[in-house]
């Protein structure tokens, strides 16, 4: 895939500006540094070769490299996100430690047993073929390699009207499954030492705090960035998210696993 690809991008300038206003420069997923630390859960990444799937604006890769000593390859399918990530990584002086690559959806463009660790934050929630992608993760991990993921998942059963409304407000493609289903797919792919951690309450609290910020002290800044109409849309988007979190229909969590030696 080239940077001149005509494939439509889901994360436009307005969404990117809003997400960074809430979560910090370079971040498109919740919590930034504390969430990364919890996802890694004490694993030593110094000198490890890490693949970040769905690396977005590069904020996670900067933390993994700067704070944890990893050598990072970040991949994403949206050209503008990759361009922005490269600029931020260069500005931070980490181009020698982080590589940001544009890829096609589907199979990972790396040889078998390339990486020590695969990391991802809220990217697999938009990947429908989880079985195929977990098989690819298994393939490109070295024996003994780790998979460390944070993701947005769902409760059992069909989507409710509230969840469908949230998807509509988001304007993004979602392919959610349950935390338990992720565990089963990982096991089927050959992974061992699978850890499943429900983090719904963690982000439910944060989402309510973010909603109050958007309605209050961040409102004027948001209007300046994207205009009043779009600002009101995103405030409603966040309100709709708090509803499905409160109802336990959207269930963020973490899953970790190891490729056997």
C-alpha atoms as a PDB file:
ATOM      1  CA  UNK A   1       0.000   0.000   0.000  1.00  0.00           C
ATOM      2  CA  UNK A   2       1.354   3.419  -0.908  1.00  0.00           C
ATOM      3  CA  UNK A   3       0.735   6.741   0.769  1.00  0.00           C
ATOM      4  CA  UNK A   4      -1.265   7.756  -2.318  1.00  0.00           C
ATOM      5  CA  UNK A   5      -3.860   5.047  -1.621  1.00  0.00           C
ATOM      6  CA  UNK A   6      -7.460   5.979  -2.309  1.00  0.00           C
ATOM      7  CA  UNK A   7      -8.819   3.846   0.563  1.00  0.00           C
ATOM      8  CA  UNK A   8     -11.072   6.084   2.697  1.00  0.00           C
ATOM      9  CA  UNK A   9      -9.651   7.052   6.076  1.00  0.00           C
ATOM     10  CA  UNK A  10     -11.862   6.850   9.157  1.00  0.00           C
ATOM     11  CA  UNK A  11      -9.846   9.151  11.400  1.00  0.00           C
ATOM     12  CA  UNK A  12     -10.249  12.636   9.934  1.00  0.00           C
ATOM     13  CA  UNK A  13      -8.670  15.818  11.230  1.00  0.00           C
ATOM     14  CA  UNK A  14     -11.597  16.598  13.542  1.00  0.00           C
ATOM     15  CA  UNK A  15     -11.526  13.206  15.249  1.00  0.00           C
ATOM     16  CA  UNK A  16      -7.732  13.295  15.560  1.00  0.00           C
ATOM     17  CA  UNK A  17      -7.818  16.796  17.078  1.00  0.00           C
ATOM     18  CA  UNK A  18     -10.513  15.796  19.576  1.00  0.00           C
ATOM     19  CA  UNK A  19      -8.832  12.577  20.682  1.00  0.00           C
ATOM     20  CA  UNK A  20      -5.522  14.322  21.303  1.00  0.00           C
ATOM     21  CA  UNK A  21      -7.294  17.088  23.231  1.00  0.00           C
ATOM     22  CA  UNK A  22      -8.691  14.437  25.576  1.00  0.00           C
ATOM     23  CA  UNK A  23      -5.878  11.874  25.743  1.00  0.00           C
ATOM     24  CA  UNK A  24      -2.755  13.908  24.921  1.00  0.00           C
ATOM     25  CA  UNK A  25      -0.547  14.506  21.911  1.00  0.00           C
ATOM     26  CA  UNK A  26       0.083  11.352  19.935  1.00  0.00           C
ATOM     27  CA  UNK A  27      -2.726   9.356  21.577  1.00  0.00           C
ATOM     28  CA  UNK A  28      -5.951   8.102  20.046  1.00  0.00           C
ATOM     29  CA  UNK A  29      -6.869   5.643  22.815  1.00  0.00           C
ATOM     30  CA  UNK A  30      -7.605   6.063  26.536  1.00  0.00           C
ATOM     31  CA  UNK A  31      -5.276   6.747  29.362  1.00  0.00           C
ATOM     32  CA  UNK A  32      -1.930   7.249  27.618  1.00  0.00           C
ATOM     33  CA  UNK A  33       1.045   6.446  29.888  1.00  0.00           C
ATOM     34  CA  UNK A  34      -0.823   4.818  32.852  1.00  0.00           C
ATOM     35  CA  UNK A  35      -2.794   2.542  30.520  1.00  0.00           C
ATOM     36  CA  UNK A  36       0.376   1.484  28.701  1.00  0.00           C
ATOM     37  CA  UNK A  37       2.025   0.653  32.016  1.00  0.00           C
ATOM     38  CA  UNK A  38      -0.941  -1.479  33.083  1.00  0.00           C
ATOM     39  CA  UNK A  39      -1.056  -3.282  29.742  1.00  0.00           C
ATOM     40  CA  UNK A  40       2.662  -4.128  29.924  1.00  0.00           C
ATOM     41  CA  UNK A  41       2.156  -5.236  33.544  1.00  0.00           C
ATOM     42  CA  UNK A  42       5.796  -5.141  34.601  1.00  0.00           C
ATOM     43  CA  UNK A  43       7.281  -6.946  31.606  1.00  0.00           C
ATOM     44  CA  UNK A  44      10.835  -5.856  30.792  1.00  0.00           C
ATOM     45  CA  UNK A  45      10.926  -4.497  27.225  1.00  0.00           C
ATOM     46  CA  UNK A  46      14.490  -3.179  27.225  1.00  0.00           C
ATOM     47  CA  UNK A  47      16.169  -4.083  23.955  1.00  0.00           C
ATOM     48  CA  UNK A  48      13.118  -6.064  22.828  1.00  0.00           C
ATOM     49  CA  UNK A  49      11.792  -5.749  19.286  1.00  0.00           C
ATOM     50  CA  UNK A  50       8.150  -4.692  19.618  1.00  0.00           C
ATOM     51  CA  UNK A  51       5.448  -4.586  16.939  1.00  0.00           C
ATOM     52  CA  UNK A  52       2.612  -2.110  17.636  1.00  0.00           C
ATOM     53  CA  UNK A  53      -0.473  -3.016  15.586  1.00  0.00           C
ATOM     54  CA  UNK A  54      -2.654   0.032  14.948  1.00  0.00           C
ATOM     55  CA  UNK A  55       0.009   2.489  16.074  1.00  0.00           C
ATOM     56  CA  UNK A  56      -1.982   5.567  15.063  1.00  0.00           C
ATOM     57  CA  UNK A  57      -0.285   8.867  15.894  1.00  0.00           C
ATOM     58  CA  UNK A  58       2.761   7.227  17.493  1.00  0.00           C
ATOM     59  CA  UNK A  59       2.255   8.201  21.136  1.00  0.00           C
ATOM     60  CA  UNK A  60       2.313   4.616  22.394  1.00  0.00           C
ATOM     61  CA  UNK A  61       5.470   3.862  20.426  1.00  0.00           C
ATOM     62  CA  UNK A  62       7.220   6.875  21.911  1.00  0.00           C
ATOM     63  CA  UNK A  63       6.416   5.687  25.444  1.00  0.00           C
ATOM     64  CA  UNK A  64       7.467   2.106  24.671  1.00  0.00           C
ATOM     65  CA  UNK A  65      10.809   3.326  23.268  1.00  0.00           C
ATOM     66  CA  UNK A  66      11.600   6.262  25.572  1.00  0.00           C
ATOM     67  CA  UNK A  67      10.328   4.909  28.883  1.00  0.00           C
ATOM     68  CA  UNK A  68      10.737   1.153  28.393  1.00  0.00           C
ATOM     69  CA  UNK A  69      13.760   0.875  26.093  1.00  0.00           C
ATOM     70  CA  UNK A  70      12.011  -1.043  23.304  1.00  0.00           C
ATOM     71  CA  UNK A  71      12.845  -1.026  19.608  1.00  0.00           C
ATOM     72  CA  UNK A  72       9.455  -0.415  18.014  1.00  0.00           C
ATOM     73  CA  UNK A  73       7.879  -0.977  14.630  1.00  0.00           C
ATOM     74  CA  UNK A  74       4.464   0.702  14.521  1.00  0.00           C
ATOM     75  CA  UNK A  75       2.051  -0.193  11.723  1.00  0.00           C
ATOM     76  CA  UNK A  76      -1.201   1.414  10.635  1.00  0.00           C
ATOM     77  CA  UNK A  77      -3.470   1.303   7.581  1.00  0.00           C
ATOM     78  CA  UNK A  78      -4.219   5.054   7.395  1.00  0.00           C
ATOM     79  CA  UNK A  79      -1.615   7.139   5.502  1.00  0.00           C
ATOM     80  CA  UNK A  80      -2.246  10.418   7.302  1.00  0.00           C
ATOM     81  CA  UNK A  81      -1.859   8.811  10.713  1.00  0.00           C
ATOM     82  CA  UNK A  82       1.477   7.329   9.644  1.00  0.00           C
ATOM     83  CA  UNK A  83       2.653  10.699   8.325  1.00  0.00           C
ATOM     84  CA  UNK A  84       1.694  12.395  11.582  1.00  0.00           C
ATOM     85  CA  UNK A  85       3.381   9.657  13.619  1.00  0.00           C
ATOM     86  CA  UNK A  86       6.623   9.986  11.688  1.00  0.00           C
ATOM     87  CA  UNK A  87       6.699  13.736  12.271  1.00  0.00           C
ATOM     88  CA  UNK A  88       6.094  13.330  16.009  1.00  0.00           C
ATOM     89  CA  UNK A  89       8.686  10.550  16.340  1.00  0.00           C
ATOM     90  CA  UNK A  90      11.272  12.643  14.503  1.00  0.00           C
ATOM     91  CA  UNK A  91      10.517  15.666  16.675  1.00  0.00           C
ATOM     92  CA  UNK A  92      11.039  13.532  19.794  1.00  0.00           C
ATOM     93  CA  UNK A  93      14.416  12.393  18.462  1.00  0.00           C
ATOM     94  CA  UNK A  94      13.417   8.718  18.400  1.00  0.00           C
ATOM     95  CA  UNK A  95      13.612   7.927  14.679  1.00  0.00           C
ATOM     96  CA  UNK A  96      16.536   5.585  15.343  1.00  0.00           C
ATOM     97  CA  UNK A  97      14.452   3.569  17.803  1.00  0.00           C
ATOM     98  CA  UNK A  98      10.986   3.663  16.200  1.00  0.00           C
ATOM     99  CA  UNK A  99       9.881   2.898  12.661  1.00  0.00           C
ATOM    100  CA  UNK A 100       6.344   3.777  11.571  1.00  0.00           C
ATOM    101  CA  UNK A 101       5.070   1.845   8.548  1.00  0.00           C
ATOM    102  CA  UNK A 102       1.976   1.995   6.359  1.00  0.00           C
ATOM    103  CA  UNK A 103       0.502  -1.457   5.666  1.00  0.00           C
ATOM    104  CA  UNK A 104      -2.434  -3.064   3.910  1.00  0.00           C
ATOM    105  CA  UNK A 105      -5.202  -4.667   5.973  1.00  0.00           C
ATOM    106  CA  UNK A 106      -4.647  -8.402   6.282  1.00  0.00           C
ATOM    107  CA  UNK A 107      -1.530 -10.517   6.706  1.00  0.00           C
ATOM    108  CA  UNK A 108       1.381  -8.917   8.530  1.00  0.00           C
ATOM    109  CA  UNK A 109       4.235  -8.011   6.136  1.00  0.00           C
ATOM    110  CA  UNK A 110       7.005  -9.542   8.256  1.00  0.00           C
ATOM    111  CA  UNK A 111       8.882 -12.857   8.267  1.00  0.00           C
ATOM    112  CA  UNK A 112       8.077 -15.505  10.852  1.00  0.00           C
ATOM    113  CA  UNK A 113       9.605 -15.117  14.314  1.00  0.00           C
ATOM    114  CA  UNK A 114      10.554 -11.437  13.883  1.00  0.00           C
ATOM    115  CA  UNK A 115       9.315  -9.852  17.127  1.00  0.00           C
ATOM    116  CA  UNK A 116       9.797 -10.382  20.855  1.00  0.00           C
ATOM    117  CA  UNK A 117       6.554  -8.604  21.740  1.00  0.00           C
ATOM    118  CA  UNK A 118       3.352  -7.577  19.963  1.00  0.00           C
ATOM    119  CA  UNK A 119       1.517  -4.649  21.549  1.00  0.00           C
ATOM    120  CA  UNK A 120      -1.794  -3.082  20.574  1.00  0.00           C
ATOM    121  CA  UNK A 121      -4.216  -0.578  22.081  1.00  0.00           C
ATOM    122  CA  UNK A 122      -7.884  -0.493  21.000  1.00  0.00           C
ATOM    123  CA  UNK A 123      -7.099  -1.516  17.408  1.00  0.00           C
ATOM    124  CA  UNK A 124      -8.394  -5.087  17.301  1.00  0.00           C
ATOM    125  CA  UNK A 125     -11.857  -3.782  18.207  1.00  0.00           C
ATOM    126  CA  UNK A 126     -12.007  -2.703  14.544  1.00  0.00           C
ATOM    127  CA  UNK A 127     -10.616  -5.949  13.081  1.00  0.00           C
ATOM    128  CA  UNK A 128     -13.298  -8.447  12.070  1.00  0.00           C
ATOM    129  CA  UNK A 129     -10.987 -11.399  11.307  1.00  0.00           C
ATOM    130  CA  UNK A 130      -9.582 -11.811  14.806  1.00  0.00           C
ATOM    131  CA  UNK A 131      -8.807 -15.504  14.242  1.00  0.00           C
ATOM    132  CA  UNK A 132      -6.697 -14.671  11.189  1.00  0.00           C
ATOM    133  CA  UNK A 133      -4.908 -11.769  12.859  1.00  0.00           C
ATOM    134  CA  UNK A 134      -4.107 -13.701  16.033  1.00  0.00           C
ATOM    135  CA  UNK A 135      -2.688 -16.458  13.827  1.00  0.00           C
ATOM    136  CA  UNK A 136      -0.532 -13.814  12.145  1.00  0.00           C
ATOM    137  CA  UNK A 137       0.592 -12.527  15.534  1.00  0.00           C
ATOM    138  CA  UNK A 138       1.571 -16.067  16.507  1.00  0.00           C
ATOM    139  CA  UNK A 139       3.514 -16.449  13.253  1.00  0.00           C
ATOM    140  CA  UNK A 140       5.612 -13.282  13.565  1.00  0.00           C
ATOM    141  CA  UNK A 141       6.356 -13.711  17.296  1.00  0.00           C
ATOM    142  CA  UNK A 142       9.561 -15.433  18.325  1.00  0.00           C
ATOM    143  CA  UNK A 143       9.182 -18.530  20.528  1.00  0.00           C
ATOM    144  CA  UNK A 144       8.549 -17.273  24.046  1.00  0.00           C
ATOM    145  CA  UNK A 145       7.326 -13.951  22.653  1.00  0.00           C
ATOM    146  CA  UNK A 146       4.564 -11.952  24.327  1.00  0.00           C
ATOM    147  CA  UNK A 147       1.266 -10.511  23.169  1.00  0.00           C
ATOM    148  CA  UNK A 148       0.161  -7.504  25.302  1.00  0.00           C
ATOM    149  CA  UNK A 149      -3.161  -5.925  24.269  1.00  0.00           C
ATOM    150  CA  UNK A 150      -5.709  -3.401  25.530  1.00  0.00           C
ATOM    151  CA  UNK A 151      -9.006  -3.478  23.662  1.00  0.00           C
ATOM    152  CA  UNK A 152     -12.625  -2.357  23.612  1.00  0.00           C
ATOM    153  CA  UNK A 153     -14.895  -5.395  23.785  1.00  0.00           C
ATOM    154  CA  UNK A 154     -18.536  -6.114  24.489  1.00  0.00           C
ATOM    155  CA  UNK A 155     -20.914  -8.068  26.671  1.00  0.00           C
ATOM    156  CA  UNK A 156     -22.418 -11.341  25.373  1.00  0.00           C
ATOM    157  CA  UNK A 157     -25.395 -11.098  23.046  1.00  0.00           C
ATOM    158  CA  UNK A 158     -26.399  -8.793  20.192  1.00  0.00           C
ATOM    159  CA  UNK A 159     -25.763  -5.052  20.131  1.00  0.00           C
ATOM    160  CA  UNK A 160     -28.483  -2.986  21.803  1.00  0.00           C
ATOM    161  CA  UNK A 161     -30.031   0.168  20.343  1.00  0.00           C
ATOM    162  CA  UNK A 162     -27.805   2.185  22.693  1.00  0.00           C
ATOM    163  CA  UNK A 163     -24.698   0.463  21.306  1.00  0.00           C
ATOM    164  CA  UNK A 164     -25.847   0.990  17.726  1.00  0.00           C
ATOM    165  CA  UNK A 165     -26.386   4.661  18.511  1.00  0.00           C
ATOM    166  CA  UNK A 166     -22.879   4.914  19.967  1.00  0.00           C
ATOM    167  CA  UNK A 167     -21.447   3.376  16.785  1.00  0.00           C
ATOM    168  CA  UNK A 168     -23.402   5.907  14.728  1.00  0.00           C
ATOM    169  CA  UNK A 169     -22.056   8.806  16.778  1.00  0.00           C
ATOM    170  CA  UNK A 170     -18.508   7.463  16.520  1.00  0.00           C
ATOM    171  CA  UNK A 171     -18.683   7.058  12.753  1.00  0.00           C
ATOM    172  CA  UNK A 172     -16.107   4.255  12.976  1.00  0.00           C
ATOM    173  CA  UNK A 173     -16.167   0.583  12.031  1.00  0.00           C
ATOM    174  CA  UNK A 174     -16.404  -1.701  15.058  1.00  0.00           C
ATOM    175  CA  UNK A 175     -16.114  -5.503  15.204  1.00  0.00           C
ATOM    176  CA  UNK A 176     -16.376  -6.196  18.927  1.00  0.00           C
ATOM    177  CA  UNK A 177     -16.400  -9.558  20.657  1.00  0.00           C
ATOM    178  CA  UNK A 178     -16.330 -10.637  24.298  1.00  0.00           C
ATOM    179  CA  UNK A 179     -13.196 -10.899  26.427  1.00  0.00           C
ATOM    180  CA  UNK A 180     -13.836 -14.627  26.800  1.00  0.00           C
ATOM    181  CA  UNK A 181     -14.072 -15.062  23.017  1.00  0.00           C
ATOM    182  CA  UNK A 182     -10.686 -13.374  22.646  1.00  0.00           C
ATOM    183  CA  UNK A 183      -9.259 -15.872  25.116  1.00  0.00           C
ATOM    184  CA  UNK A 184     -10.674 -18.820  23.160  1.00  0.00           C
ATOM    185  CA  UNK A 185      -9.309 -17.514  19.857  1.00  0.00           C
ATOM    186  CA  UNK A 186      -5.869 -16.987  21.390  1.00  0.00           C
ATOM    187  CA  UNK A 187      -5.865 -20.562  22.672  1.00  0.00           C
ATOM    188  CA  UNK A 188      -6.936 -21.886  19.267  1.00  0.00           C
ATOM    189  CA  UNK A 189      -4.083 -19.919  17.680  1.00  0.00           C
ATOM    190  CA  UNK A 190      -1.606 -21.764  19.931  1.00  0.00           C
ATOM    191  CA  UNK A 191      -0.937 -19.178  22.638  1.00  0.00           C
ATOM    192  CA  UNK A 192      -0.274 -20.178  26.251  1.00  0.00           C
ATOM    193  CA  UNK A 193      -0.346 -18.423  29.645  1.00  0.00           C
ATOM    194  CA  UNK A 194      -3.406 -16.424  28.562  1.00  0.00           C
ATOM    195  CA  UNK A 195      -4.462 -13.647  30.957  1.00  0.00           C
ATOM    196  CA  UNK A 196      -7.871 -11.964  30.651  1.00  0.00           C
ATOM    197  CA  UNK A 197      -8.474  -8.748  32.590  1.00  0.00           C
ATOM    198  CA  UNK A 198     -11.788  -6.896  32.582  1.00  0.00           C
ATOM    199  CA  UNK A 199     -11.008  -3.165  32.812  1.00  0.00           C
ATOM    200  CA  UNK A 200     -14.548  -1.840  32.338  1.00  0.00           C
ATOM    201  CA  UNK A 201     -14.731  -0.015  35.651  1.00  0.00           C
ATOM    202  CA  UNK A 202     -11.340   1.627  35.047  1.00  0.00           C
ATOM    203  CA  UNK A 203     -12.430   3.270  31.800  1.00  0.00           C
ATOM    204  CA  UNK A 204     -16.048   3.794  32.878  1.00  0.00           C
ATOM    205  CA  UNK A 205     -14.769   6.218  35.529  1.00  0.00           C
ATOM    206  CA  UNK A 206     -12.408   7.895  33.077  1.00  0.00           C
ATOM    207  CA  UNK A 207     -15.101   8.229  30.398  1.00  0.00           C
ATOM    208  CA  UNK A 208     -17.413  10.060  32.825  1.00  0.00           C
ATOM    209  CA  UNK A 209     -14.546  12.378  33.779  1.00  0.00           C
ATOM    210  CA  UNK A 210     -13.803  13.022  30.093  1.00  0.00           C
ATOM    211  CA  UNK A 211     -17.491  13.729  29.396  1.00  0.00           C
ATOM    212  CA  UNK A 212     -17.583  16.327  32.158  1.00  0.00           C
ATOM    213  CA  UNK A 213     -14.391  17.933  30.784  1.00  0.00           C
ATOM    214  CA  UNK A 214     -15.863  18.098  27.279  1.00  0.00           C
ATOM    215  CA  UNK A 215     -19.031  19.745  28.606  1.00  0.00           C
ATOM    216  CA  UNK A 216     -17.016  22.104  30.805  1.00  0.00           C
ATOM    217  CA  UNK A 217     -13.450  23.340  30.710  1.00  0.00           C
ATOM    218  CA  UNK A 218     -12.557  21.771  27.335  1.00  0.00           C
ATOM    219  CA  UNK A 219     -15.709  22.936  25.543  1.00  0.00           C
ATOM    220  CA  UNK A 220     -14.406  26.295  24.323  1.00  0.00           C
ATOM    221  CA  UNK A 221     -11.098  24.816  23.198  1.00  0.00           C
ATOM    222  CA  UNK A 222     -12.982  22.116  21.323  1.00  0.00           C
ATOM    223  CA  UNK A 223     -15.158  24.753  19.616  1.00  0.00           C
ATOM    224  CA  UNK A 224     -12.024  26.614  18.566  1.00  0.00           C
ATOM    225  CA  UNK A 225     -10.530  23.431  17.131  1.00  0.00           C
ATOM    226  CA  UNK A 226     -13.486  21.969  15.241  1.00  0.00           C
ATOM    227  CA  UNK A 227     -16.391  24.441  15.422  1.00  0.00           C
ATOM    228  CA  UNK A 228     -19.551  24.471  17.573  1.00  0.00           C
ATOM    229  CA  UNK A 229     -21.610  21.951  15.595  1.00  0.00           C
ATOM    230  CA  UNK A 230     -18.917  19.268  15.583  1.00  0.00           C
ATOM    231  CA  UNK A 231     -18.100  20.016  19.215  1.00  0.00           C
ATOM    232  CA  UNK A 232     -21.713  19.296  20.202  1.00  0.00           C
ATOM    233  CA  UNK A 233     -21.609  16.097  18.165  1.00  0.00           C
ATOM    234  CA  UNK A 234     -18.573  14.801  20.039  1.00  0.00           C
ATOM    235  CA  UNK A 235     -20.042  15.759  23.414  1.00  0.00           C
ATOM    236  CA  UNK A 236     -23.083  13.642  22.521  1.00  0.00           C
ATOM    237  CA  UNK A 237     -20.751  10.901  21.309  1.00  0.00           C
ATOM    238  CA  UNK A 238     -19.095  10.798  24.736  1.00  0.00           C
ATOM    239  CA  UNK A 239     -22.463  10.817  26.508  1.00  0.00           C
ATOM    240  CA  UNK A 240     -23.572   7.834  24.428  1.00  0.00           C
ATOM    241  CA  UNK A 241     -20.359   6.029  25.344  1.00  0.00           C
ATOM    242  CA  UNK A 242     -20.949   6.523  29.073  1.00  0.00           C
ATOM    243  CA  UNK A 243     -24.392   4.921  28.623  1.00  0.00           C
ATOM    244  CA  UNK A 244     -23.057   1.669  27.141  1.00  0.00           C
ATOM    245  CA  UNK A 245     -20.237   1.576  29.679  1.00  0.00           C
ATOM    246  CA  UNK A 246     -22.664   2.064  32.566  1.00  0.00           C
ATOM    247  CA  UNK A 247     -24.894  -0.703  31.199  1.00  0.00           C
ATOM    248  CA  UNK A 248     -21.896  -3.027  30.892  1.00  0.00           C
ATOM    249  CA  UNK A 249     -22.443  -3.422  27.143  1.00  0.00           C
ATOM    250  CA  UNK A 250     -19.048  -2.041  26.179  1.00  0.00           C
ATOM    251  CA  UNK A 251     -16.367  -3.792  28.215  1.00  0.00           C
ATOM    252  CA  UNK A 252     -12.782  -2.573  27.802  1.00  0.00           C
ATOM    253  CA  UNK A 253     -10.145  -5.004  28.953  1.00  0.00           C
ATOM    254  CA  UNK A 254      -6.673  -6.431  28.542  1.00  0.00           C
ATOM    255  CA  UNK A 255      -5.487  -9.784  27.333  1.00  0.00           C
ATOM    256  CA  UNK A 256      -1.962 -11.086  27.457  1.00  0.00           C
ATOM    257  CA  UNK A 257      -0.464 -14.320  26.163  1.00  0.00           C
ATOM    258  CA  UNK A 258       2.808 -16.054  25.312  1.00  0.00           C
ATOM    259  CA  UNK A 259       3.927 -18.046  22.312  1.00  0.00           C
ATOM    260  CA  UNK A 260       5.339 -21.312  23.699  1.00  0.00           C
ATOM    261  CA  UNK A 261       9.067 -21.946  23.449  1.00  0.00           C
END
